[in-house]
N, C-alpha and C. Protein backbone atom coordinates (compact mmCIF):
# COMPACT_ATOMS: atom_id res chain seq x y z
N UNK A 1 8.72 4.98 24.19
CA UNK A 1 8.83 3.85 23.22
C UNK A 1 8.11 2.65 23.72
N UNK A 2 7.21 2.12 22.75
CA UNK A 2 6.37 1.02 23.16
C UNK A 2 6.99 -0.31 22.45
N UNK A 3 6.85 -1.43 23.04
CA UNK A 3 7.24 -2.63 22.48
C UNK A 3 5.99 -3.51 22.27
N UNK A 4 5.78 -4.11 21.07
CA UNK A 4 4.53 -4.78 20.83
C UNK A 4 4.79 -6.29 20.58
N UNK A 5 3.74 -7.05 20.72
CA UNK A 5 3.81 -8.46 20.53
C UNK A 5 2.32 -8.87 20.03
N UNK A 6 2.41 -10.01 19.45
CA UNK A 6 1.08 -10.53 18.81
C UNK A 6 0.18 -10.99 20.03
N UNK A 7 -1.04 -10.30 19.98
CA UNK A 7 -1.92 -10.67 21.13
C UNK A 7 -3.12 -11.45 20.60
N UNK A 8 -3.54 -11.36 19.43
CA UNK A 8 -4.63 -12.18 18.87
C UNK A 8 -5.04 -11.79 17.54
N UNK A 9 -6.18 -12.23 17.10
CA UNK A 9 -6.62 -11.97 15.79
C UNK A 9 -8.18 -11.34 15.92
N UNK A 10 -8.45 -10.31 15.19
CA UNK A 10 -9.87 -9.72 15.26
C UNK A 10 -10.33 -9.70 13.77
N UNK A 11 -11.36 -10.45 13.47
CA UNK A 11 -11.79 -10.37 12.00
C UNK A 11 -10.71 -10.65 11.12
N UNK A 12 -9.78 -11.74 11.51
CA UNK A 12 -8.70 -12.00 10.68
C UNK A 12 -7.81 -10.86 10.36
N UNK A 13 -7.62 -9.96 11.46
CA UNK A 13 -6.74 -8.86 11.29
C UNK A 13 -5.90 -8.81 12.75
N UNK A 14 -4.70 -8.58 12.52
CA UNK A 14 -3.65 -8.69 13.62
C UNK A 14 -3.97 -7.86 14.80
N UNK A 15 -3.91 -8.21 15.93
CA UNK A 15 -4.07 -7.52 17.22
C UNK A 15 -2.68 -7.49 17.86
N UNK A 16 -2.28 -6.27 18.33
CA UNK A 16 -1.02 -6.05 19.10
C UNK A 16 -1.31 -5.63 20.50
N UNK A 17 -0.39 -5.96 21.35
CA UNK A 17 -0.43 -5.48 22.66
C UNK A 17 0.86 -4.94 23.15
N UNK A 18 0.85 -3.80 23.72
CA UNK A 18 2.17 -3.21 24.03
C UNK A 18 2.57 -3.67 25.59
N UNK A 19 3.87 -3.92 25.74
CA UNK A 19 4.21 -4.49 27.04
C UNK A 19 4.24 -3.38 28.15
N UNK A 20 4.33 -2.08 27.70
CA UNK A 20 4.49 -1.09 28.70
C UNK A 20 3.09 -0.73 29.38
N UNK A 21 1.98 -0.83 28.71
CA UNK A 21 0.73 -0.35 29.25
C UNK A 21 -0.28 -1.45 29.14
N UNK A 22 -0.04 -2.53 28.38
CA UNK A 22 -1.03 -3.52 28.22
C UNK A 22 -2.21 -3.20 27.39
N UNK A 23 -2.02 -2.07 26.57
CA UNK A 23 -3.13 -1.67 25.57
C UNK A 23 -3.15 -2.50 24.41
N UNK A 24 -4.31 -2.73 23.80
CA UNK A 24 -4.58 -3.49 22.62
C UNK A 24 -4.67 -2.60 21.52
N UNK A 25 -3.90 -2.89 20.45
CA UNK A 25 -3.99 -2.07 19.16
C UNK A 25 -4.45 -2.90 17.98
N UNK A 26 -5.11 -2.28 17.05
CA UNK A 26 -5.53 -2.95 15.78
C UNK A 26 -4.52 -2.59 14.68
N UNK A 27 -4.06 -3.68 14.05
CA UNK A 27 -3.07 -3.45 13.06
C UNK A 27 -3.43 -2.63 11.86
N UNK A 28 -4.57 -2.76 11.29
CA UNK A 28 -4.79 -2.01 10.05
C UNK A 28 -4.99 -0.52 10.18
N UNK A 29 -5.50 -0.15 11.47
CA UNK A 29 -5.75 1.28 11.65
C UNK A 29 -4.64 1.91 12.51
N UNK A 30 -3.94 0.98 13.34
CA UNK A 30 -2.92 1.60 14.27
C UNK A 30 -3.53 2.27 15.49
N UNK A 31 -4.90 1.91 15.67
CA UNK A 31 -5.62 2.62 16.86
C UNK A 31 -5.58 1.74 18.11
N UNK A 32 -5.55 2.40 19.18
CA UNK A 32 -5.65 1.52 20.51
C UNK A 32 -7.13 1.34 20.61
N UNK A 33 -7.58 0.13 20.84
CA UNK A 33 -8.96 -0.16 20.98
C UNK A 33 -9.42 -0.66 22.42
N UNK A 34 -8.38 -0.93 23.15
CA UNK A 34 -8.72 -1.30 24.69
C UNK A 34 -7.48 -1.02 25.44
N UNK A 35 -7.82 -0.60 26.62
CA UNK A 35 -6.61 -0.41 27.61
C UNK A 35 -6.40 1.03 28.00
N UNK A 36 -5.37 1.28 28.72
CA UNK A 36 -5.04 2.70 29.17
C UNK A 36 -4.95 3.71 28.11
N UNK A 37 -4.47 3.34 26.82
CA UNK A 37 -4.24 4.26 25.80
C UNK A 37 -5.39 4.21 24.67
N UNK A 38 -6.50 3.55 25.10
CA UNK A 38 -7.59 3.55 24.17
C UNK A 38 -7.99 4.85 23.53
N UNK A 39 -8.12 4.92 22.25
CA UNK A 39 -8.42 6.11 21.45
C UNK A 39 -7.17 6.86 20.82
N UNK A 40 -5.91 6.32 21.44
CA UNK A 40 -4.82 6.90 20.72
C UNK A 40 -4.61 6.21 19.38
N UNK A 41 -3.60 6.77 18.62
CA UNK A 41 -3.28 6.11 17.26
C UNK A 41 -1.77 6.23 17.16
N UNK A 42 -1.18 5.24 16.54
CA UNK A 42 0.23 5.21 16.09
C UNK A 42 0.49 5.97 14.82
N UNK A 43 1.46 6.63 14.73
CA UNK A 43 1.80 7.39 13.48
C UNK A 43 2.27 6.40 12.43
N UNK A 44 1.55 6.54 11.29
CA UNK A 44 1.89 5.57 10.14
C UNK A 44 3.16 6.00 9.60
N UNK A 45 4.10 5.07 9.25
CA UNK A 45 5.34 5.19 8.75
C UNK A 45 5.25 4.65 7.23
N UNK A 46 5.63 5.48 6.30
CA UNK A 46 5.62 5.06 4.90
C UNK A 46 6.46 3.66 4.73
N UNK A 47 5.84 2.82 4.01
CA UNK A 47 6.43 1.48 3.82
C UNK A 47 6.13 1.00 2.39
N UNK A 48 6.95 0.13 1.98
CA UNK A 48 6.68 -0.56 0.61
C UNK A 48 6.38 -1.99 0.69
N UNK A 49 5.57 -2.48 -0.36
CA UNK A 49 5.39 -3.91 -0.53
C UNK A 49 5.99 -4.18 -1.82
N UNK A 50 7.25 -4.65 -1.87
CA UNK A 50 8.02 -4.88 -3.14
C UNK A 50 8.38 -6.39 -3.13
N UNK A 51 8.63 -6.77 -4.43
CA UNK A 51 9.31 -8.18 -4.51
C UNK A 51 10.79 -8.00 -4.06
N UNK A 52 11.37 -9.09 -3.84
CA UNK A 52 12.75 -9.04 -3.45
C UNK A 52 13.64 -8.45 -4.56
N UNK A 53 13.38 -8.87 -5.74
CA UNK A 53 14.22 -8.43 -6.91
C UNK A 53 14.11 -6.91 -7.04
N UNK A 54 12.86 -6.40 -6.89
CA UNK A 54 12.74 -4.95 -7.16
C UNK A 54 13.43 -4.12 -5.95
N UNK A 55 13.28 -4.67 -4.72
CA UNK A 55 13.99 -4.05 -3.56
C UNK A 55 15.52 -4.10 -3.77
N UNK A 56 15.96 -5.19 -4.25
CA UNK A 56 17.47 -5.47 -4.42
C UNK A 56 17.99 -4.51 -5.43
N UNK A 57 17.23 -4.30 -6.62
CA UNK A 57 17.61 -3.43 -7.61
C UNK A 57 17.74 -1.94 -7.16
N UNK A 58 16.92 -1.61 -6.23
CA UNK A 58 16.92 -0.27 -5.59
C UNK A 58 17.84 -0.07 -4.49
N UNK A 59 18.16 -1.18 -3.84
CA UNK A 59 18.97 -1.07 -2.49
C UNK A 59 19.99 -2.28 -2.54
N UNK A 60 20.91 -2.22 -3.50
CA UNK A 60 21.99 -3.30 -3.62
C UNK A 60 22.70 -3.55 -2.39
N UNK A 61 22.92 -2.61 -1.60
CA UNK A 61 23.67 -2.84 -0.35
C UNK A 61 22.84 -2.99 0.87
N UNK A 62 21.59 -3.18 0.67
CA UNK A 62 20.55 -3.29 1.76
C UNK A 62 20.71 -4.62 2.49
N UNK A 63 20.33 -4.70 3.74
CA UNK A 63 20.36 -5.86 4.51
C UNK A 63 19.14 -6.62 4.71
N UNK A 64 19.10 -7.89 4.88
CA UNK A 64 17.90 -8.61 4.92
C UNK A 64 17.78 -9.25 6.33
N UNK A 65 16.53 -9.20 6.96
CA UNK A 65 16.44 -9.71 8.21
C UNK A 65 16.45 -11.17 8.08
N UNK A 66 17.32 -11.92 8.77
CA UNK A 66 17.32 -13.38 8.64
C UNK A 66 16.39 -13.97 9.58
N UNK A 67 15.78 -15.14 9.29
CA UNK A 67 14.84 -15.86 10.14
C UNK A 67 15.56 -16.42 11.32
N UNK A 68 14.81 -16.51 12.40
CA UNK A 68 15.40 -17.18 13.65
C UNK A 68 15.58 -18.66 13.30
N UNK A 69 16.86 -19.04 13.38
CA UNK A 69 17.26 -20.39 12.90
C UNK A 69 16.40 -21.58 13.50
N UNK A 70 16.11 -21.51 14.86
CA UNK A 70 15.37 -22.60 15.36
C UNK A 70 13.87 -22.67 15.00
N UNK A 71 13.40 -21.61 14.32
CA UNK A 71 11.99 -21.63 13.93
C UNK A 71 11.81 -21.73 12.29
N UNK A 72 12.99 -21.88 11.64
CA UNK A 72 12.95 -21.78 10.24
C UNK A 72 11.92 -22.77 9.66
N UNK A 73 11.83 -23.95 10.18
CA UNK A 73 10.98 -25.03 9.55
C UNK A 73 9.48 -24.59 9.68
N UNK A 74 9.17 -23.68 10.72
CA UNK A 74 7.78 -23.24 10.91
C UNK A 74 7.42 -22.18 10.12
N UNK A 75 8.23 -21.48 9.36
CA UNK A 75 7.76 -20.46 8.51
C UNK A 75 7.06 -21.03 7.25
N UNK A 76 6.01 -20.38 6.84
CA UNK A 76 5.22 -20.85 5.73
C UNK A 76 5.61 -19.90 4.54
N UNK A 77 6.25 -20.45 3.49
CA UNK A 77 6.76 -19.65 2.41
C UNK A 77 5.63 -19.39 1.39
N UNK A 78 4.38 -20.08 1.45
CA UNK A 78 3.39 -19.82 0.52
C UNK A 78 2.06 -19.91 1.17
N UNK A 79 1.81 -19.00 2.19
CA UNK A 79 0.69 -19.11 2.98
C UNK A 79 -0.59 -18.44 2.38
N UNK A 80 -0.40 -17.51 1.48
CA UNK A 80 -1.54 -16.70 0.90
C UNK A 80 -2.64 -17.67 0.25
N UNK A 81 -2.33 -18.64 -0.61
CA UNK A 81 -3.38 -19.50 -1.21
C UNK A 81 -4.09 -20.21 -0.12
N UNK A 82 -3.50 -20.66 0.96
CA UNK A 82 -4.26 -21.39 1.93
C UNK A 82 -5.22 -20.43 2.75
N UNK A 83 -4.65 -19.11 2.95
CA UNK A 83 -5.41 -18.13 3.70
C UNK A 83 -6.70 -17.64 2.84
N UNK A 84 -6.46 -17.65 1.50
CA UNK A 84 -7.55 -17.15 0.61
C UNK A 84 -8.81 -18.14 0.60
N UNK A 85 -8.47 -19.42 1.01
CA UNK A 85 -9.62 -20.39 1.07
C UNK A 85 -10.38 -20.32 2.32
N UNK A 86 -9.86 -19.60 3.21
CA UNK A 86 -10.62 -19.61 4.59
C UNK A 86 -11.94 -18.76 4.52
N UNK A 87 -12.94 -19.24 5.12
CA UNK A 87 -14.18 -18.28 5.20
C UNK A 87 -13.87 -17.01 6.02
N UNK A 88 -14.52 -15.90 5.49
CA UNK A 88 -14.42 -14.71 6.13
C UNK A 88 -15.40 -14.54 7.28
N UNK A 89 -15.09 -13.89 8.36
CA UNK A 89 -15.83 -13.69 9.42
C UNK A 89 -16.95 -12.61 9.35
N UNK A 90 -16.68 -11.77 8.37
CA UNK A 90 -17.45 -10.64 8.14
C UNK A 90 -17.53 -10.27 6.56
N UNK A 91 -18.65 -9.99 6.11
CA UNK A 91 -18.70 -9.81 4.56
C UNK A 91 -19.58 -8.54 4.33
N UNK A 92 -19.66 -8.08 3.07
CA UNK A 92 -20.38 -6.90 2.70
C UNK A 92 -21.02 -7.20 1.22
N UNK A 93 -21.96 -8.13 1.40
CA UNK A 93 -22.53 -8.69 0.08
C UNK A 93 -23.21 -7.59 -0.78
N UNK A 94 -23.51 -6.31 -0.23
CA UNK A 94 -24.29 -5.32 -0.95
C UNK A 94 -23.18 -4.61 -1.94
N UNK A 95 -21.91 -4.86 -1.66
CA UNK A 95 -20.90 -4.17 -2.43
C UNK A 95 -20.56 -4.95 -3.74
N UNK A 96 -19.87 -4.30 -4.72
CA UNK A 96 -19.54 -4.91 -6.00
C UNK A 96 -18.33 -5.85 -5.96
N UNK A 97 -17.56 -5.73 -4.90
CA UNK A 97 -16.35 -6.54 -4.81
C UNK A 97 -16.63 -7.67 -3.85
N UNK A 98 -15.94 -8.87 -4.26
CA UNK A 98 -16.03 -9.97 -3.39
C UNK A 98 -15.12 -9.89 -2.12
N UNK A 99 -15.49 -10.62 -1.18
CA UNK A 99 -14.71 -10.55 0.18
C UNK A 99 -13.23 -10.63 0.00
N UNK A 100 -12.86 -11.71 -0.74
CA UNK A 100 -11.39 -11.93 -0.87
C UNK A 100 -10.68 -11.16 -2.05
N UNK A 101 -11.50 -10.37 -2.73
CA UNK A 101 -10.88 -9.43 -3.79
C UNK A 101 -9.73 -8.66 -3.18
N UNK A 102 -8.63 -8.63 -3.73
CA UNK A 102 -7.41 -7.85 -3.20
C UNK A 102 -7.62 -6.44 -3.77
N UNK A 103 -7.36 -5.44 -2.89
CA UNK A 103 -7.44 -4.04 -3.21
C UNK A 103 -6.25 -3.30 -2.70
N UNK A 104 -6.05 -2.21 -3.34
CA UNK A 104 -5.13 -1.18 -2.75
C UNK A 104 -5.97 -0.17 -1.99
N UNK A 105 -5.76 0.04 -0.73
CA UNK A 105 -6.49 1.00 0.03
C UNK A 105 -5.67 2.12 0.47
N UNK A 106 -6.23 3.40 0.39
CA UNK A 106 -5.53 4.59 0.83
C UNK A 106 -6.53 5.58 1.45
N UNK A 107 -6.05 6.42 2.29
CA UNK A 107 -6.89 7.53 2.77
C UNK A 107 -6.07 8.82 2.49
N UNK A 108 -6.92 9.90 2.11
CA UNK A 108 -6.37 11.25 1.93
C UNK A 108 -7.21 12.14 2.81
N UNK A 109 -6.62 12.60 3.86
CA UNK A 109 -7.22 13.57 4.82
C UNK A 109 -8.58 12.96 5.29
N UNK A 110 -8.52 11.69 5.62
CA UNK A 110 -9.82 11.02 6.18
C UNK A 110 -10.58 10.48 5.16
N UNK A 111 -10.47 10.72 3.86
CA UNK A 111 -11.30 10.10 2.83
C UNK A 111 -10.67 8.89 2.33
N UNK A 112 -11.38 7.75 2.30
CA UNK A 112 -10.82 6.46 1.95
C UNK A 112 -11.27 6.09 0.44
N UNK A 113 -10.41 5.40 -0.18
CA UNK A 113 -10.74 4.77 -1.60
C UNK A 113 -9.98 3.54 -1.66
N UNK A 114 -10.72 2.56 -2.36
CA UNK A 114 -10.08 1.20 -2.62
C UNK A 114 -10.05 1.00 -4.16
N UNK A 115 -8.89 0.46 -4.52
CA UNK A 115 -8.71 0.07 -6.11
C UNK A 115 -8.51 -1.46 -6.12
N UNK A 116 -9.50 -2.02 -6.99
CA UNK A 116 -9.40 -3.44 -7.09
C UNK A 116 -8.00 -3.74 -7.73
N UNK A 117 -7.26 -4.76 -7.21
CA UNK A 117 -6.10 -5.00 -7.76
C UNK A 117 -6.04 -5.42 -9.19
N UNK A 118 -6.91 -6.18 -9.72
CA UNK A 118 -6.96 -6.51 -11.06
C UNK A 118 -7.23 -5.32 -12.02
N UNK A 119 -8.10 -4.60 -11.57
CA UNK A 119 -8.30 -3.29 -12.31
C UNK A 119 -7.10 -2.41 -12.42
N UNK A 120 -6.40 -2.27 -11.35
CA UNK A 120 -5.22 -1.51 -11.23
C UNK A 120 -4.07 -1.96 -12.12
N UNK A 121 -3.91 -3.30 -12.12
CA UNK A 121 -2.91 -3.97 -12.96
C UNK A 121 -3.23 -3.73 -14.44
N UNK A 122 -4.50 -3.85 -14.83
CA UNK A 122 -4.88 -3.62 -16.23
C UNK A 122 -4.65 -2.13 -16.72
N UNK A 123 -4.79 -1.30 -15.81
CA UNK A 123 -4.85 0.12 -16.22
C UNK A 123 -3.64 0.92 -15.92
N UNK A 124 -2.72 0.40 -15.09
CA UNK A 124 -1.57 1.03 -14.60
C UNK A 124 -0.85 1.74 -15.78
N UNK A 125 -0.39 3.05 -15.51
CA UNK A 125 -0.59 3.87 -14.38
C UNK A 125 -2.05 4.34 -14.20
N UNK A 126 -2.60 4.47 -13.06
CA UNK A 126 -3.82 4.92 -12.73
C UNK A 126 -3.77 6.38 -12.21
N UNK A 127 -4.57 7.26 -12.82
CA UNK A 127 -4.66 8.64 -12.41
C UNK A 127 -6.02 8.84 -11.74
N UNK A 128 -6.04 9.40 -10.63
CA UNK A 128 -7.21 9.66 -9.85
C UNK A 128 -7.17 10.87 -9.03
N UNK A 129 -8.26 11.30 -8.41
CA UNK A 129 -8.24 12.36 -7.51
C UNK A 129 -9.16 11.98 -6.31
N UNK A 130 -8.61 12.09 -5.09
CA UNK A 130 -9.35 11.81 -3.87
C UNK A 130 -9.17 12.97 -2.94
N UNK A 131 -10.38 13.42 -2.48
CA UNK A 131 -10.37 14.64 -1.67
C UNK A 131 -9.68 15.77 -2.27
N UNK A 132 -9.68 16.00 -3.52
CA UNK A 132 -9.11 17.12 -4.11
C UNK A 132 -7.58 16.92 -4.42
N UNK A 133 -7.07 15.79 -4.05
CA UNK A 133 -5.63 15.59 -4.32
C UNK A 133 -5.32 14.62 -5.49
N UNK A 134 -4.64 15.11 -6.46
CA UNK A 134 -4.40 14.19 -7.73
C UNK A 134 -3.44 13.10 -7.32
N UNK A 135 -3.91 11.86 -7.73
CA UNK A 135 -2.97 10.69 -7.36
C UNK A 135 -2.54 10.04 -8.63
N UNK A 136 -1.31 9.41 -8.53
CA UNK A 136 -0.78 8.47 -9.50
C UNK A 136 -0.50 7.14 -8.76
N UNK A 137 -1.10 6.13 -9.27
CA UNK A 137 -0.80 4.79 -8.81
C UNK A 137 -0.04 4.02 -9.94
N UNK A 138 1.07 3.40 -9.59
CA UNK A 138 1.83 2.78 -10.64
C UNK A 138 2.23 1.35 -10.26
N UNK A 139 2.17 0.36 -11.20
CA UNK A 139 2.78 -0.88 -11.06
C UNK A 139 4.24 -0.93 -11.46
N UNK A 140 5.03 -1.54 -10.71
CA UNK A 140 6.47 -1.56 -10.90
C UNK A 140 6.85 -2.35 -12.08
N UNK A 141 8.27 -2.22 -12.43
CA UNK A 141 8.71 -2.96 -13.67
C UNK A 141 8.57 -4.48 -13.38
N UNK A 142 8.55 -5.02 -12.18
CA UNK A 142 8.34 -6.38 -12.07
C UNK A 142 6.88 -6.96 -12.22
N UNK A 143 5.90 -5.97 -12.28
CA UNK A 143 4.62 -6.43 -12.51
C UNK A 143 3.83 -6.81 -11.30
N UNK A 144 4.62 -6.51 -10.01
CA UNK A 144 3.92 -6.99 -8.79
C UNK A 144 3.99 -5.89 -7.75
N UNK A 145 4.97 -5.13 -7.75
CA UNK A 145 5.17 -4.00 -6.80
C UNK A 145 4.40 -2.85 -7.19
N UNK A 146 4.11 -2.05 -6.34
CA UNK A 146 3.31 -0.94 -6.60
C UNK A 146 3.67 0.33 -5.70
N UNK A 147 3.42 1.56 -6.17
CA UNK A 147 3.60 2.69 -5.28
C UNK A 147 2.47 3.69 -5.74
N UNK A 148 2.31 4.65 -4.75
CA UNK A 148 1.27 5.71 -4.98
C UNK A 148 1.98 7.04 -4.69
N UNK A 149 1.71 7.99 -5.63
CA UNK A 149 2.36 9.41 -5.44
C UNK A 149 1.15 10.40 -5.62
N UNK A 150 1.66 11.65 -4.97
CA UNK A 150 0.75 12.74 -5.38
C UNK A 150 1.22 13.31 -6.86
N UNK A 151 0.25 13.40 -7.67
CA UNK A 151 0.55 13.68 -9.11
C UNK A 151 0.69 15.17 -9.38
N UNK A 152 1.76 15.81 -8.72
CA UNK A 152 1.98 17.24 -8.87
C UNK A 152 3.45 17.42 -9.03
N UNK A 153 3.81 18.44 -9.89
CA UNK A 153 5.22 18.73 -10.11
C UNK A 153 5.27 20.31 -9.95
N UNK A 154 6.05 20.78 -8.93
CA UNK A 154 6.22 22.08 -8.60
C UNK A 154 4.82 22.78 -8.34
N UNK A 155 3.89 22.01 -7.68
CA UNK A 155 2.73 22.53 -7.32
C UNK A 155 1.64 22.44 -8.38
N UNK A 156 1.90 22.00 -9.53
CA UNK A 156 1.00 21.96 -10.50
C UNK A 156 0.47 20.45 -10.82
N UNK A 157 -0.74 20.24 -10.95
CA UNK A 157 -1.27 18.85 -11.33
C UNK A 157 -0.63 18.41 -12.62
N UNK A 158 -0.29 17.15 -12.62
CA UNK A 158 0.40 16.58 -13.86
C UNK A 158 -0.25 15.22 -14.12
N UNK A 159 -0.10 14.80 -15.32
CA UNK A 159 -0.51 13.39 -15.80
C UNK A 159 0.66 12.73 -16.15
N UNK A 160 0.66 11.42 -16.03
CA UNK A 160 1.77 10.51 -16.34
C UNK A 160 1.34 9.33 -17.20
N UNK A 161 2.24 8.91 -18.08
CA UNK A 161 1.91 7.66 -18.77
C UNK A 161 3.22 6.88 -18.94
N UNK A 162 3.11 5.58 -19.20
CA UNK A 162 4.30 4.76 -19.54
C UNK A 162 4.89 5.11 -20.80
N UNK A 163 6.26 5.29 -20.83
CA UNK A 163 6.81 5.44 -22.09
C UNK A 163 6.93 4.16 -22.84
N UNK A 164 6.51 4.34 -24.09
CA UNK A 164 6.40 3.07 -24.92
C UNK A 164 7.83 2.85 -25.69
N UNK A 165 8.01 1.56 -26.03
CA UNK A 165 9.34 1.18 -26.75
C UNK A 165 10.61 1.66 -25.98
N UNK A 166 10.60 1.29 -24.77
CA UNK A 166 11.83 1.68 -24.04
C UNK A 166 12.31 0.56 -23.18
N UNK A 167 13.57 0.18 -23.22
CA UNK A 167 14.01 -0.92 -22.46
C UNK A 167 13.84 -0.71 -21.01
N UNK A 168 14.24 0.47 -20.54
CA UNK A 168 14.06 0.81 -19.09
C UNK A 168 12.63 1.32 -18.64
N UNK A 169 12.19 0.86 -17.57
CA UNK A 169 10.86 1.31 -17.06
C UNK A 169 10.98 2.77 -16.78
N UNK A 170 10.07 3.61 -17.50
CA UNK A 170 10.06 5.01 -17.32
C UNK A 170 8.61 5.54 -17.51
N UNK A 171 8.32 6.56 -16.72
CA UNK A 171 7.13 7.26 -16.91
C UNK A 171 7.48 8.71 -17.59
N UNK A 172 6.55 9.19 -18.32
CA UNK A 172 6.63 10.48 -18.87
C UNK A 172 5.44 11.48 -18.41
N UNK A 173 5.91 12.58 -17.98
CA UNK A 173 4.76 13.53 -17.48
C UNK A 173 4.45 14.48 -18.71
N UNK A 174 3.15 14.92 -18.66
CA UNK A 174 2.67 15.81 -19.64
C UNK A 174 2.98 17.27 -19.43
N UNK A 175 3.52 17.60 -18.22
CA UNK A 175 3.89 18.94 -17.97
C UNK A 175 5.27 19.38 -18.49
N UNK A 176 6.23 18.53 -18.33
CA UNK A 176 7.62 18.79 -18.63
C UNK A 176 8.26 17.87 -19.69
N UNK A 177 7.53 16.76 -19.92
CA UNK A 177 7.98 15.60 -20.78
C UNK A 177 9.36 15.09 -20.24
N UNK A 178 9.44 15.11 -18.85
CA UNK A 178 10.58 14.42 -18.25
C UNK A 178 10.36 12.96 -17.96
N UNK A 179 11.37 12.28 -17.80
CA UNK A 179 11.37 10.77 -17.50
C UNK A 179 11.44 10.49 -16.12
N UNK A 180 10.53 9.74 -15.45
CA UNK A 180 10.49 9.41 -14.15
C UNK A 180 10.70 7.91 -13.83
N UNK A 181 11.43 7.47 -12.71
CA UNK A 181 11.52 6.14 -12.48
C UNK A 181 10.56 5.69 -11.43
N UNK A 182 10.59 4.39 -10.99
CA UNK A 182 9.61 3.87 -10.04
C UNK A 182 9.64 4.40 -8.72
N UNK A 183 10.78 5.05 -8.35
CA UNK A 183 10.96 5.75 -7.15
C UNK A 183 10.16 7.08 -7.08
N UNK A 184 9.60 7.43 -8.16
CA UNK A 184 8.91 8.70 -8.34
C UNK A 184 9.80 9.83 -8.47
N UNK A 185 11.03 9.63 -9.06
CA UNK A 185 11.94 10.81 -9.25
C UNK A 185 12.31 10.89 -10.72
N UNK A 186 12.43 12.18 -11.13
CA UNK A 186 12.73 12.45 -12.43
C UNK A 186 14.23 12.16 -12.78
N UNK A 187 14.53 11.47 -13.81
CA UNK A 187 15.89 11.02 -14.07
C UNK A 187 16.46 11.69 -15.36
N UNK A 188 15.48 12.50 -16.02
CA UNK A 188 15.97 13.28 -17.22
C UNK A 188 14.96 14.23 -17.49
N UNK A 189 15.29 15.21 -18.28
CA UNK A 189 14.38 16.33 -18.61
C UNK A 189 14.44 17.47 -17.76
N UNK A 190 13.55 18.48 -17.95
CA UNK A 190 13.40 19.64 -17.28
C UNK A 190 13.27 19.43 -15.62
N UNK A 191 12.63 18.35 -15.33
CA UNK A 191 12.28 18.22 -13.92
C UNK A 191 13.36 17.15 -13.20
N UNK A 192 14.46 16.98 -13.85
CA UNK A 192 15.46 16.03 -13.24
C UNK A 192 15.88 16.39 -12.03
N UNK A 193 15.88 15.43 -11.07
CA UNK A 193 16.35 15.67 -9.69
C UNK A 193 15.10 15.89 -8.71
N UNK A 194 13.98 16.08 -9.27
CA UNK A 194 12.87 16.31 -8.46
C UNK A 194 12.09 15.00 -8.24
N UNK A 195 11.39 14.86 -7.06
CA UNK A 195 10.70 13.63 -6.74
C UNK A 195 9.30 13.97 -6.31
N UNK A 196 8.32 13.05 -6.76
CA UNK A 196 6.94 13.18 -6.35
C UNK A 196 6.80 12.78 -4.84
N UNK A 197 5.81 13.34 -4.24
CA UNK A 197 5.50 13.03 -2.80
C UNK A 197 4.79 11.68 -2.91
N UNK A 198 5.25 10.77 -1.82
CA UNK A 198 4.74 9.45 -1.72
C UNK A 198 3.44 9.48 -0.93
N UNK A 199 2.51 8.64 -1.14
CA UNK A 199 1.33 8.38 -0.42
C UNK A 199 1.28 6.98 0.13
N UNK A 200 1.04 6.89 1.49
CA UNK A 200 0.91 5.54 2.12
C UNK A 200 -0.27 4.87 1.44
N UNK A 201 -0.07 3.48 1.20
CA UNK A 201 -1.13 2.76 0.62
C UNK A 201 -0.92 1.28 1.25
N UNK A 202 -2.05 0.55 1.18
CA UNK A 202 -2.11 -0.78 1.82
C UNK A 202 -2.64 -1.87 0.82
N UNK A 203 -2.11 -2.90 0.60
CA UNK A 203 -2.63 -3.90 -0.21
C UNK A 203 -3.37 -4.94 0.77
N UNK A 204 -4.63 -5.12 0.50
CA UNK A 204 -5.45 -5.78 1.72
C UNK A 204 -6.71 -6.49 0.90
N UNK A 205 -7.26 -7.41 1.64
CA UNK A 205 -8.49 -8.02 1.31
C UNK A 205 -9.58 -6.94 1.31
N UNK A 206 -10.54 -7.05 0.43
CA UNK A 206 -11.69 -6.01 0.44
C UNK A 206 -12.40 -6.12 1.70
N UNK A 207 -12.84 -7.27 2.26
CA UNK A 207 -13.60 -7.43 3.47
C UNK A 207 -12.81 -6.72 4.66
N UNK A 208 -11.60 -6.79 4.74
CA UNK A 208 -10.79 -6.23 5.85
C UNK A 208 -10.75 -4.70 5.58
N UNK A 209 -10.46 -4.28 4.56
CA UNK A 209 -10.43 -2.80 4.18
C UNK A 209 -11.71 -2.18 4.46
N UNK A 210 -12.87 -2.82 3.93
CA UNK A 210 -14.06 -2.21 4.09
C UNK A 210 -14.61 -2.13 5.57
N UNK A 211 -14.26 -3.22 6.24
CA UNK A 211 -14.64 -3.32 7.69
C UNK A 211 -14.06 -2.07 8.58
N UNK A 212 -12.92 -1.74 8.24
CA UNK A 212 -12.33 -0.62 8.96
C UNK A 212 -12.32 0.67 8.29
N UNK A 213 -13.00 0.77 7.18
CA UNK A 213 -13.16 2.03 6.41
C UNK A 213 -14.68 1.98 5.84
N UNK A 214 -15.58 2.23 6.74
CA UNK A 214 -16.97 2.06 6.40
C UNK A 214 -17.36 2.93 5.26
N UNK A 215 -16.82 4.13 5.16
CA UNK A 215 -17.11 5.10 4.11
C UNK A 215 -16.41 5.02 2.77
N UNK A 216 -15.56 3.99 2.64
CA UNK A 216 -14.68 3.96 1.50
C UNK A 216 -15.44 3.85 0.20
N UNK A 217 -14.77 4.59 -0.88
CA UNK A 217 -15.43 4.43 -2.12
C UNK A 217 -14.42 3.49 -2.92
N UNK A 218 -15.00 3.05 -4.00
CA UNK A 218 -14.33 2.15 -4.94
C UNK A 218 -14.05 2.87 -6.15
N UNK A 219 -12.77 2.76 -6.68
CA UNK A 219 -12.28 3.47 -7.84
C UNK A 219 -13.09 2.65 -9.00
N UNK A 220 -13.57 3.47 -10.02
CA UNK A 220 -14.23 3.03 -11.14
C UNK A 220 -13.79 3.80 -12.39
N UNK A 221 -13.40 3.02 -13.40
CA UNK A 221 -12.95 3.72 -14.66
C UNK A 221 -13.25 2.73 -15.87
């Protein structure tokens, strides 16, 4: 087991250092970039970026990590607008996205793709295929949270769309006409009880995602 602490910032991206070996690690890639473990990579653990309201609705008995009391006044509750104004240290003017454009980034078996957040919000749910894998990107009921799934049911590619005129947020699939919730699980219909495979995805600034994924493509539709 390794224990990490903040060691610095590289291109406005978090750098970690482990106490056991002194190795430096890059946040966005999880790769060791300097030290005894250079070249190694941490295993990515599936995580969510949800609003508190969405998380609470899914996990009503969940616990919240409390801030350290003596540092409470030092926490910035609205830091993103200030960060967005900072100049970037690296840019890619030849690309169609601006440096501070927010994207959803993901990789499928080494193939990377970025989805402009504004495009995703307008089109959700988004159906795509990356490296031969059918994907479903969905914006949550709160209009802020998002998740990505493999768009397959029982090994068969499937398409999904939001069910219209329904009080509860639900997706319908074209294979079985089952209803699916934001957790990617069927709650009614022939597929009830089945869940889609989750895909790790990162919400990031374009310049940061592009810097560490040089061969990334951009979703266009």
